[in-house]
Amino acid sequence: MGEKTLQEFFAGCDNNYILAKLLAGNTRETDFDLIHNESLKKGFDICASSDVEIAMCAAEMRDCFGEEWMMDLPTKQSNDYRYLDRIVDAVKLAFNESK
């Protein structure tokens, strides 16, 4: 941080940096909607809402996406990430307005 105040440091940091620290790097989650949509395009109907359900569909996932399907699962920003991102934006705005 150096000579910066906490407000200056926080306002000057990229949201991705702050959120990665707050969420201990857990900023991504499996995109189950994309898996479902891509499977439909390939003639399958893989509908899951958790990583456990995806694992239970391993044979169908392999048939649809190939042998290495588990190495390339699509991801998206987690719900926690999106929620905290809005909070970080609001805090930055408040810090900037208080100058």
PDB file of N, CA and C in Angstrom:
ATOM      1  N   MET A   1       0.811  -1.187   0.000  1.00  0.00           N
ATOM      2  CA  MET A   1       0.000   0.000   0.000  1.00  0.00           C
ATOM      3  C   MET A   1       0.857   1.254   0.000  1.00  0.00           C
ATOM      4  N   GLY A   2       2.008   1.219   0.657  1.00  0.00           N
ATOM      5  CA  GLY A   2       2.888   2.376   0.653  1.00  0.00           C
ATOM      6  C   GLY A   2       2.298   3.557   1.390  1.00  0.00           C
ATOM      7  N   GLU A   3       2.312   4.718   0.745  1.00  0.00           N
ATOM      8  CA  GLU A   3       1.831   5.962   1.344  1.00  0.00           C
ATOM      9  C   GLU A   3       0.335   6.190   1.122  1.00  0.00           C
ATOM     10  N   LYS A   4      -0.316   5.309   0.426  1.00  0.00           N
ATOM     11  CA  LYS A   4      -1.739   5.487   0.124  1.00  0.00           C
ATOM     12  C   LYS A   4      -2.596   5.198   1.352  1.00  0.00           C
ATOM     13  N   THR A   5      -3.726   5.893   1.424  1.00  0.00           N
ATOM     14  CA  THR A   5      -4.713   5.552   2.447  1.00  0.00           C
ATOM     15  C   THR A   5      -5.456   4.301   1.989  1.00  0.00           C
ATOM     16  N   LEU A   6      -6.197   3.710   2.899  1.00  0.00           N
ATOM     17  CA  LEU A   6      -6.989   2.534   2.548  1.00  0.00           C
ATOM     18  C   LEU A   6      -7.984   2.881   1.438  1.00  0.00           C
ATOM     19  N   GLN A   7      -8.591   4.057   1.530  1.00  0.00           N
ATOM     20  CA  GLN A   7      -9.538   4.485   0.504  1.00  0.00           C
ATOM     21  C   GLN A   7      -8.861   4.600  -0.854  1.00  0.00           C
ATOM     22  N   GLU A   8      -7.698   5.214  -0.899  1.00  0.00           N
ATOM     23  CA  GLU A   8      -6.980   5.383  -2.166  1.00  0.00           C
ATOM     24  C   GLU A   8      -6.560   4.036  -2.742  1.00  0.00           C
ATOM     25  N   PHE A   9      -6.078   3.164  -1.869  1.00  0.00           N
ATOM     26  CA  PHE A   9      -5.667   1.831  -2.320  1.00  0.00           C
ATOM     27  C   PHE A   9      -6.855   1.073  -2.898  1.00  0.00           C
ATOM     28  N   PHE A  10      -7.959   1.032  -2.151  1.00  0.00           N
ATOM     29  CA  PHE A  10      -9.150   0.295  -2.575  1.00  0.00           C
ATOM     30  C   PHE A  10      -9.700   0.864  -3.875  1.00  0.00           C
ATOM     31  N   ALA A  11      -9.799   2.190  -3.954  1.00  0.00           N
ATOM     32  CA  ALA A  11     -10.348   2.837  -5.150  1.00  0.00           C
ATOM     33  C   ALA A  11      -9.453   2.621  -6.365  1.00  0.00           C
ATOM     34  N   GLY A  12      -8.149   2.470  -6.150  1.00  0.00           N
ATOM     35  CA  GLY A  12      -7.219   2.302  -7.258  1.00  0.00           C
ATOM     36  C   GLY A  12      -7.029   0.866  -7.715  1.00  0.00           C
ATOM     37  N   CYS A  13      -7.509  -0.079  -6.937  1.00  0.00           N
ATOM     38  CA  CYS A  13      -7.344  -1.499  -7.288  1.00  0.00           C
ATOM     39  C   CYS A  13      -8.395  -1.949  -8.293  1.00  0.00           C
ATOM     40  N   ASP A  14      -8.007  -2.890  -9.116  1.00  0.00           N
ATOM     41  CA  ASP A  14      -8.929  -3.528 -10.041  1.00  0.00           C
ATOM     42  C   ASP A  14      -9.882  -4.428  -9.248  1.00  0.00           C
ATOM     43  N   ASN A  15     -11.149  -4.450  -9.630  1.00  0.00           N
ATOM     44  CA  ASN A  15     -12.119  -5.294  -8.933  1.00  0.00           C
ATOM     45  C   ASN A  15     -11.701  -6.756  -8.914  1.00  0.00           C
ATOM     46  N   ASN A  16     -11.132  -7.248 -10.015  1.00  0.00           N
ATOM     47  CA  ASN A  16     -10.709  -8.652 -10.063  1.00  0.00           C
ATOM     48  C   ASN A  16      -9.698  -8.962  -8.968  1.00  0.00           C
ATOM     49  N   TYR A  17      -8.772  -8.052  -8.716  1.00  0.00           N
ATOM     50  CA  TYR A  17      -7.764  -8.243  -7.673  1.00  0.00           C
ATOM     51  C   TYR A  17      -8.431  -8.317  -6.299  1.00  0.00           C
ATOM     52  N   ILE A  18      -9.293  -7.348  -6.013  1.00  0.00           N
ATOM     53  CA  ILE A  18      -9.967  -7.299  -4.714  1.00  0.00           C
ATOM     54  C   ILE A  18     -10.819  -8.547  -4.509  1.00  0.00           C
ATOM     55  N   LEU A  19     -11.581  -8.911  -5.529  1.00  0.00           N
ATOM     56  CA  LEU A  19     -12.477 -10.060  -5.396  1.00  0.00           C
ATOM     57  C   LEU A  19     -11.712 -11.370  -5.273  1.00  0.00           C
ATOM     58  N   ALA A  20     -10.605 -11.502  -5.968  1.00  0.00           N
ATOM     59  CA  ALA A  20      -9.795 -12.717  -5.836  1.00  0.00           C
ATOM     60  C   ALA A  20      -9.272 -12.855  -4.414  1.00  0.00           C
ATOM     61  N   LYS A  21      -8.935 -11.728  -3.782  1.00  0.00           N
ATOM     62  CA  LYS A  21      -8.463 -11.765  -2.392  1.00  0.00           C
ATOM     63  C   LYS A  21      -9.619 -12.065  -1.434  1.00  0.00           C
ATOM     64  N   LEU A  22     -10.761 -11.428  -1.636  1.00  0.00           N
ATOM     65  CA  LEU A  22     -11.910 -11.655  -0.754  1.00  0.00           C
ATOM     66  C   LEU A  22     -12.455 -13.074  -0.861  1.00  0.00           C
ATOM     67  N   LEU A  23     -12.423 -13.621  -2.060  1.00  0.00           N
ATOM     68  CA  LEU A  23     -12.987 -14.953  -2.289  1.00  0.00           C
ATOM     69  C   LEU A  23     -11.919 -16.047  -2.296  1.00  0.00           C
ATOM     70  N   ALA A  24     -10.722 -15.717  -1.882  1.00  0.00           N
ATOM     71  CA  ALA A  24      -9.606 -16.682  -1.821  1.00  0.00           C
ATOM     72  C   ALA A  24      -9.403 -17.393  -3.156  1.00  0.00           C
ATOM     73  N   GLY A  25      -9.585 -16.664  -4.252  1.00  0.00           N
ATOM     74  CA  GLY A  25      -9.339 -17.225  -5.579  1.00  0.00           C
ATOM     75  C   GLY A  25     -10.487 -18.031  -6.150  1.00  0.00           C
ATOM     76  N   ASN A  26     -11.529 -18.272  -5.376  1.00  0.00           N
ATOM     77  CA  ASN A  26     -12.672 -19.063  -5.854  1.00  0.00           C
ATOM     78  C   ASN A  26     -13.680 -18.156  -6.550  1.00  0.00           C
ATOM     79  N   THR A  27     -13.319 -17.693  -7.741  1.00  0.00           N
ATOM     80  CA  THR A  27     -14.159 -16.724  -8.443  1.00  0.00           C
ATOM     81  C   THR A  27     -14.956 -17.340  -9.583  1.00  0.00           C
ATOM     82  N   ARG A  28     -14.744 -18.621  -9.882  1.00  0.00           N
ATOM     83  CA  ARG A  28     -15.420 -19.259 -11.015  1.00  0.00           C
ATOM     84  C   ARG A  28     -16.207 -20.473 -10.538  1.00  0.00           C
ATOM     85  N   GLU A  29     -17.258 -20.808 -11.303  1.00  0.00           N
ATOM     86  CA  GLU A  29     -18.050 -22.007 -11.045  1.00  0.00           C
ATOM     87  C   GLU A  29     -18.449 -22.621 -12.381  1.00  0.00           C
ATOM     88  N   THR A  30     -18.791 -23.887 -12.360  1.00  0.00           N
ATOM     89  CA  THR A  30     -19.182 -24.592 -13.575  1.00  0.00           C
ATOM     90  C   THR A  30     -20.446 -23.964 -14.152  1.00  0.00           C
ATOM     91  N   ASP A  31     -20.465 -23.781 -15.464  1.00  0.00           N
ATOM     92  CA  ASP A  31     -21.614 -23.195 -16.160  1.00  0.00           C
ATOM     93  C   ASP A  31     -22.520 -24.323 -16.655  1.00  0.00           C
ATOM     94  N   PHE A  32     -23.466 -24.714 -15.820  1.00  0.00           N
ATOM     95  CA  PHE A  32     -24.342 -25.839 -16.135  1.00  0.00           C
ATOM     96  C   PHE A  32     -25.301 -25.529 -17.279  1.00  0.00           C
ATOM     97  N   ASP A  33     -25.714 -24.266 -17.395  1.00  0.00           N
ATOM     98  CA  ASP A  33     -26.595 -23.884 -18.509  1.00  0.00           C
ATOM     99  C   ASP A  33     -25.890 -24.061 -19.847  1.00  0.00           C
ATOM    100  N   LEU A  34     -24.629 -23.673 -19.917  1.00  0.00           N
ATOM    101  CA  LEU A  34     -23.873 -23.825 -21.161  1.00  0.00           C
ATOM    102  C   LEU A  34     -23.665 -25.301 -21.499  1.00  0.00           C
ATOM    103  N   ILE A  35     -23.393 -26.122 -20.496  1.00  0.00           N
ATOM    104  CA  ILE A  35     -23.259 -27.565 -20.731  1.00  0.00           C
ATOM    105  C   ILE A  35     -24.554 -28.112 -21.309  1.00  0.00           C
ATOM    106  N   HIS A  36     -25.676 -27.721 -20.719  1.00  0.00           N
ATOM    107  CA  HIS A  36     -26.979 -28.192 -21.199  1.00  0.00           C
ATOM    108  C   HIS A  36     -27.217 -27.745 -22.642  1.00  0.00           C
ATOM    109  N   ASN A  37     -26.986 -26.461 -22.920  1.00  0.00           N
ATOM    110  CA  ASN A  37     -27.226 -25.939 -24.273  1.00  0.00           C
ATOM    111  C   ASN A  37     -26.321 -26.594 -25.311  1.00  0.00           C
ATOM    112  N   GLU A  38     -25.038 -26.771 -24.977  1.00  0.00           N
ATOM    113  CA  GLU A  38     -24.109 -27.410 -25.914  1.00  0.00           C
ATOM    114  C   GLU A  38     -24.470 -28.876 -26.130  1.00  0.00           C
ATOM    115  N   SER A  39     -24.934 -29.551 -25.082  1.00  0.00           N
ATOM    116  CA  SER A  39     -25.314 -30.958 -25.237  1.00  0.00           C
ATOM    117  C   SER A  39     -26.538 -31.091 -26.138  1.00  0.00           C
ATOM    118  N   LEU A  40     -27.470 -30.151 -26.030  1.00  0.00           N
ATOM    119  CA  LEU A  40     -28.655 -30.188 -26.897  1.00  0.00           C
ATOM    120  C   LEU A  40     -28.266 -30.039 -28.362  1.00  0.00           C
ATOM    121  N   LYS A  41     -27.285 -29.166 -28.640  1.00  0.00           N
ATOM    122  CA  LYS A  41     -26.820 -28.974 -30.015  1.00  0.00           C
ATOM    123  C   LYS A  41     -26.222 -30.252 -30.594  1.00  0.00           C
ATOM    124  N   LYS A  42     -25.693 -31.103 -29.712  1.00  0.00           N
ATOM    125  CA  LYS A  42     -25.049 -32.343 -30.155  1.00  0.00           C
ATOM    126  C   LYS A  42     -25.974 -33.549 -30.044  1.00  0.00           C
ATOM    127  N   GLY A  43     -27.259 -33.299 -29.759  1.00  0.00           N
ATOM    128  CA  GLY A  43     -28.236 -34.377 -29.712  1.00  0.00           C
ATOM    129  C   GLY A  43     -28.345 -35.087 -28.375  1.00  0.00           C
ATOM    130  N   PHE A  44     -27.805 -34.501 -27.330  1.00  0.00           N
ATOM    131  CA  PHE A  44     -27.902 -35.063 -25.984  1.00  0.00           C
ATOM    132  C   PHE A  44     -28.755 -34.131 -25.129  1.00  0.00           C
ATOM    133  N   ASP A  45     -29.150 -34.600 -23.967  1.00  0.00           N
ATOM    134  CA  ASP A  45     -29.911 -33.757 -23.046  1.00  0.00           C
ATOM    135  C   ASP A  45     -29.316 -33.913 -21.653  1.00  0.00           C
ATOM    136  N   ILE A  46     -28.188 -33.247 -21.440  1.00  0.00           N
ATOM    137  CA  ILE A  46     -27.512 -33.314 -20.148  1.00  0.00           C
ATOM    138  C   ILE A  46     -27.970 -32.115 -19.331  1.00  0.00           C
ATOM    139  N   CYS A  47     -28.739 -32.397 -18.303  1.00  0.00           N
ATOM    140  CA  CYS A  47     -29.293 -31.343 -17.457  1.00  0.00           C
ATOM    141  C   CYS A  47     -28.823 -31.599 -16.026  1.00  0.00           C
ATOM    142  N   ALA A  48     -27.936 -30.754 -15.540  1.00  0.00           N
ATOM    143  CA  ALA A  48     -27.388 -30.912 -14.197  1.00  0.00           C
ATOM    144  C   ALA A  48     -27.282 -29.548 -13.541  1.00  0.00           C
ATOM    145  N   SER A  49     -27.302 -29.545 -12.229  1.00  0.00           N
ATOM    146  CA  SER A  49     -27.183 -28.278 -11.508  1.00  0.00           C
ATOM    147  C   SER A  49     -26.076 -28.315 -10.456  1.00  0.00           C
ATOM    148  N   SER A  50     -25.251 -29.358 -10.495  1.00  0.00           N
ATOM    149  CA  SER A  50     -24.122 -29.443  -9.569  1.00  0.00           C
ATOM    150  C   SER A  50     -23.013 -30.284 -10.192  1.00  0.00           C
ATOM    151  N   ASP A  51     -21.820 -30.121  -9.661  1.00  0.00           N
ATOM    152  CA  ASP A  51     -20.693 -30.912 -10.148  1.00  0.00           C
ATOM    153  C   ASP A  51     -20.906 -32.397  -9.868  1.00  0.00           C
ATOM    154  N   VAL A  52     -21.599 -32.716  -8.784  1.00  0.00           N
ATOM    155  CA  VAL A  52     -21.892 -34.117  -8.465  1.00  0.00           C
ATOM    156  C   VAL A  52     -22.796 -34.716  -9.539  1.00  0.00           C
ATOM    157  N   GLU A  53     -23.822 -33.974  -9.945  1.00  0.00           N
ATOM    158  CA  GLU A  53     -24.719 -34.466 -10.995  1.00  0.00           C
ATOM    159  C   GLU A  53     -23.970 -34.643 -12.313  1.00  0.00           C
ATOM    160  N   ILE A  54     -23.054 -33.742 -12.613  1.00  0.00           N
ATOM    161  CA  ILE A  54     -22.238 -33.881 -13.828  1.00  0.00           C
ATOM    162  C   ILE A  54     -21.416 -35.162 -13.749  1.00  0.00           C
ATOM    163  N   ALA A  55     -20.813 -35.422 -12.596  1.00  0.00           N
ATOM    164  CA  ALA A  55     -20.012 -36.639 -12.427  1.00  0.00           C
ATOM    165  C   ALA A  55     -20.873 -37.887 -12.577  1.00  0.00           C
ATOM    166  N   MET A  56     -22.114 -37.816 -12.142  1.00  0.00           N
ATOM    167  CA  MET A  56     -23.019 -38.961 -12.269  1.00  0.00           C
ATOM    168  C   MET A  56     -23.392 -39.206 -13.729  1.00  0.00           C
ATOM    169  N   CYS A  57     -23.227 -38.203 -14.572  1.00  0.00           N
ATOM    170  CA  CYS A  57     -23.503 -38.317 -16.008  1.00  0.00           C
ATOM    171  C   CYS A  57     -22.211 -38.526 -16.796  1.00  0.00           C
ATOM    172  N   ALA A  58     -21.193 -39.086 -16.178  1.00  0.00           N
ATOM    173  CA  ALA A  58     -19.866 -39.182 -16.797  1.00  0.00           C
ATOM    174  C   ALA A  58     -19.898 -39.875 -18.154  1.00  0.00           C
ATOM    175  N   ALA A  59     -20.634 -40.964 -18.270  1.00  0.00           N
ATOM    176  CA  ALA A  59     -20.674 -41.693 -19.545  1.00  0.00           C
ATOM    177  C   ALA A  59     -21.303 -40.829 -20.639  1.00  0.00           C
ATOM    178  N   GLU A  60     -22.395 -40.171 -20.311  1.00  0.00           N
ATOM    179  CA  GLU A  60     -23.060 -39.308 -21.290  1.00  0.00           C
ATOM    180  C   GLU A  60     -22.193 -38.082 -21.617  1.00  0.00           C
ATOM    181  N   MET A  61     -21.512 -37.534 -20.612  1.00  0.00           N
ATOM    182  CA  MET A  61     -20.602 -36.410 -20.853  1.00  0.00           C
ATOM    183  C   MET A  61     -19.477 -36.831 -21.797  1.00  0.00           C
ATOM    184  N   ARG A  62     -18.934 -38.033 -21.597  1.00  0.00           N
ATOM    185  CA  ARG A  62     -17.859 -38.533 -22.462  1.00  0.00           C
ATOM    186  C   ARG A  62     -18.368 -38.712 -23.884  1.00  0.00           C
ATOM    187  N   ASP A  63     -19.559 -39.295 -24.034  1.00  0.00           N
ATOM    188  CA  ASP A  63     -20.122 -39.500 -25.371  1.00  0.00           C
ATOM    189  C   ASP A  63     -20.369 -38.167 -26.082  1.00  0.00           C
ATOM    190  N   CYS A  64     -20.784 -37.177 -25.335  1.00  0.00           N
ATOM    191  CA  CYS A  64     -21.123 -35.877 -25.919  1.00  0.00           C
ATOM    192  C   CYS A  64     -19.890 -35.008 -26.173  1.00  0.00           C
ATOM    193  N   PHE A  65     -18.983 -34.949 -25.204  1.00  0.00           N
ATOM    194  CA  PHE A  65     -17.875 -33.987 -25.259  1.00  0.00           C
ATOM    195  C   PHE A  65     -16.494 -34.618 -25.436  1.00  0.00           C
ATOM    196  N   GLY A  66     -16.411 -35.934 -25.478  1.00  0.00           N
ATOM    197  CA  GLY A  66     -15.125 -36.596 -25.686  1.00  0.00           C
ATOM    198  C   GLY A  66     -14.494 -37.093 -24.399  1.00  0.00           C
ATOM    199  N   GLU A  67     -13.407 -37.829 -24.565  1.00  0.00           N
ATOM    200  CA  GLU A  67     -12.729 -38.483 -23.438  1.00  0.00           C
ATOM    201  C   GLU A  67     -12.243 -37.507 -22.369  1.00  0.00           C
ATOM    202  N   GLU A  68     -11.817 -36.332 -22.757  1.00  0.00           N
ATOM    203  CA  GLU A  68     -11.232 -35.370 -21.814  1.00  0.00           C
ATOM    204  C   GLU A  68     -12.243 -34.315 -21.359  1.00  0.00           C
ATOM    205  N   TRP A  69     -13.516 -34.653 -21.338  1.00  0.00           N
ATOM    206  CA  TRP A  69     -14.563 -33.685 -21.027  1.00  0.00           C
ATOM    207  C   TRP A  69     -14.347 -32.989 -19.682  1.00  0.00           C
ATOM    208  N   MET A  70     -13.837 -33.716 -18.703  1.00  0.00           N
ATOM    209  CA  MET A  70     -13.711 -33.138 -17.365  1.00  0.00           C
ATOM    210  C   MET A  70     -12.603 -32.087 -17.273  1.00  0.00           C
ATOM    211  N   MET A  71     -11.725 -32.054 -18.264  1.00  0.00           N
ATOM    212  CA  MET A  71     -10.623 -31.094 -18.252  1.00  0.00           C
ATOM    213  C   MET A  71     -11.018 -29.742 -18.850  1.00  0.00           C
ATOM    214  N   ASP A  72     -12.173 -29.678 -19.497  1.00  0.00           N
ATOM    215  CA  ASP A  72     -12.540 -28.464 -20.221  1.00  0.00           C
ATOM    216  C   ASP A  72     -13.989 -28.062 -19.951  1.00  0.00           C
ATOM    217  N   LEU A  73     -14.432 -28.200 -18.706  1.00  0.00           N
ATOM    218  CA  LEU A  73     -15.791 -27.789 -18.379  1.00  0.00           C
ATOM    219  C   LEU A  73     -15.902 -26.269 -18.475  1.00  0.00           C
ATOM    220  N   PRO A  74     -16.978 -25.772 -19.070  1.00  0.00           N
ATOM    221  CA  PRO A  74     -17.143 -24.316 -19.151  1.00  0.00           C
ATOM    222  C   PRO A  74     -17.409 -23.734 -17.764  1.00  0.00           C
ATOM    223  N   THR A  75     -16.893 -22.548 -17.534  1.00  0.00           N
ATOM    224  CA  THR A  75     -17.104 -21.889 -16.248  1.00  0.00           C
ATOM    225  C   THR A  75     -17.635 -20.482 -16.467  1.00  0.00           C
ATOM    226  N   LYS A  76     -18.124 -19.912 -15.395  1.00  0.00           N
ATOM    227  CA  LYS A  76     -18.598 -18.530 -15.394  1.00  0.00           C
ATOM    228  C   LYS A  76     -18.243 -17.927 -14.039  1.00  0.00           C
ATOM    229  N   GLN A  77     -18.357 -16.619 -13.930  1.00  0.00           N
ATOM    230  CA  GLN A  77     -18.112 -15.982 -12.644  1.00  0.00           C
ATOM    231  C   GLN A  77     -19.145 -16.490 -11.645  1.00  0.00           C
ATOM    232  N   SER A  78     -18.696 -16.753 -10.430  1.00  0.00           N
ATOM    233  CA  SER A  78     -19.590 -17.297  -9.409  1.00  0.00           C
ATOM    234  C   SER A  78     -20.621 -16.257  -8.978  1.00  0.00           C
ATOM    235  N   ASN A  79     -21.699 -16.727  -8.371  1.00  0.00           N
ATOM    236  CA  ASN A  79     -22.719 -15.822  -7.847  1.00  0.00           C
ATOM    237  C   ASN A  79     -22.118 -14.904  -6.787  1.00  0.00           C
ATOM    238  N   ASP A  80     -21.253 -15.454  -5.933  1.00  0.00           N
ATOM    239  CA  ASP A  80     -20.590 -14.636  -4.916  1.00  0.00           C
ATOM    240  C   ASP A  80     -19.755 -13.538  -5.568  1.00  0.00           C
ATOM    241  N   TYR A  81     -19.056 -13.876  -6.647  1.00  0.00           N
ATOM    242  CA  TYR A  81     -18.229 -12.903  -7.364  1.00  0.00           C
ATOM    243  C   TYR A  81     -19.102 -11.760  -7.883  1.00  0.00           C
ATOM    244  N   ARG A  82     -20.193 -12.107  -8.567  1.00  0.00           N
ATOM    245  CA  ARG A  82     -21.055 -11.068  -9.139  1.00  0.00           C
ATOM    246  C   ARG A  82     -21.670 -10.192  -8.043  1.00  0.00           C
ATOM    247  N   TYR A  83     -22.064 -10.792  -6.929  1.00  0.00           N
ATOM    248  CA  TYR A  83     -22.646 -10.054  -5.810  1.00  0.00           C
ATOM    249  C   TYR A  83     -21.616  -9.099  -5.197  1.00  0.00           C
ATOM    250  N   LEU A  84     -20.443  -9.632  -4.878  1.00  0.00           N
ATOM    251  CA  LEU A  84     -19.407  -8.795  -4.276  1.00  0.00           C
ATOM    252  C   LEU A  84     -18.881  -7.741  -5.242  1.00  0.00           C
ATOM    253  N   ASP A  85     -18.908  -8.020  -6.538  1.00  0.00           N
ATOM    254  CA  ASP A  85     -18.478  -7.039  -7.535  1.00  0.00           C
ATOM    255  C   ASP A  85     -19.346  -5.785  -7.451  1.00  0.00           C
ATOM    256  N   ARG A  86     -20.644  -5.972  -7.285  1.00  0.00           N
ATOM    257  CA  ARG A  86     -21.545  -4.819  -7.149  1.00  0.00           C
ATOM    258  C   ARG A  86     -21.252  -4.049  -5.858  1.00  0.00           C
ATOM    259  N   ILE A  87     -20.949  -4.779  -4.786  1.00  0.00           N
ATOM    260  CA  ILE A  87     -20.625  -4.119  -3.519  1.00  0.00           C
ATOM    261  C   ILE A  87     -19.325  -3.328  -3.647  1.00  0.00           C
ATOM    262  N   VAL A  88     -18.313  -3.918  -4.254  1.00  0.00           N
ATOM    263  CA  VAL A  88     -17.031  -3.228  -4.443  1.00  0.00           C
ATOM    264  C   VAL A  88     -17.237  -1.966  -5.273  1.00  0.00           C
ATOM    265  N   ASP A  89     -18.040  -2.042  -6.329  1.00  0.00           N
ATOM    266  CA  ASP A  89     -18.329  -0.848  -7.139  1.00  0.00           C
ATOM    267  C   ASP A  89     -18.991   0.235  -6.291  1.00  0.00           C
ATOM    268  N   ALA A  90     -19.940  -0.155  -5.428  1.00  0.00           N
ATOM    269  CA  ALA A  90     -20.634   0.811  -4.578  1.00  0.00           C
ATOM    270  C   ALA A  90     -19.677   1.446  -3.569  1.00  0.00           C
ATOM    271  N   VAL A  91     -18.786   0.651  -2.994  1.00  0.00           N
ATOM    272  CA  VAL A  91     -17.806   1.182  -2.039  1.00  0.00           C
ATOM    273  C   VAL A  91     -16.861   2.152  -2.740  1.00  0.00           C
ATOM    274  N   LYS A  92     -16.399   1.792  -3.931  1.00  0.00           N
ATOM    275  CA  LYS A  92     -15.515   2.692  -4.686  1.00  0.00           C
ATOM    276  C   LYS A  92     -16.218   4.007  -5.002  1.00  0.00           C
ATOM    277  N   LEU A  93     -17.477   3.928  -5.391  1.00  0.00           N
ATOM    278  CA  LEU A  93     -18.246   5.132  -5.686  1.00  0.00           C
ATOM    279  C   LEU A  93     -18.370   6.004  -4.440  1.00  0.00           C
ATOM    280  N   ALA A  94     -18.659   5.381  -3.302  1.00  0.00           N
ATOM    281  CA  ALA A  94     -18.775   6.133  -2.048  1.00  0.00           C
ATOM    282  C   ALA A  94     -17.443   6.778  -1.673  1.00  0.00           C
ATOM    283  N   PHE A  95     -16.342   6.048  -1.847  1.00  0.00           N
ATOM    284  CA  PHE A  95     -15.020   6.616  -1.563  1.00  0.00           C
ATOM    285  C   PHE A  95     -14.740   7.809  -2.470  1.00  0.00           C
ATOM    286  N   ASN A  96     -15.069   7.699  -3.744  1.00  0.00           N
ATOM    287  CA  ASN A  96     -14.815   8.792  -4.690  1.00  0.00           C
ATOM    288  C   ASN A  96     -15.679  10.006  -4.388  1.00  0.00           C
ATOM    289  N   GLU A  97     -16.907   9.776  -3.925  1.00  0.00           N
ATOM    290  CA  GLU A  97     -17.800  10.891  -3.598  1.00  0.00           C
ATOM    291  C   GLU A  97     -17.375  11.601  -2.318  1.00  0.00           C
ATOM    292  N   SER A  98     -16.685  10.888  -1.433  1.00  0.00           N
ATOM    293  CA  SER A  98     -16.288  11.486  -0.154  1.00  0.00           C
ATOM    294  C   SER A  98     -15.009  12.312  -0.255  1.00  0.00           C
ATOM    295  N   LYS A  99     -14.395  12.354  -1.419  1.00  0.00           N
ATOM    296  CA  LYS A  99     -13.149  13.128  -1.601  1.00  0.00           C
ATOM    297  C   LYS A  99     -13.423  14.606  -1.570  1.00  0.00           C
TER     298      LYS A  99
END
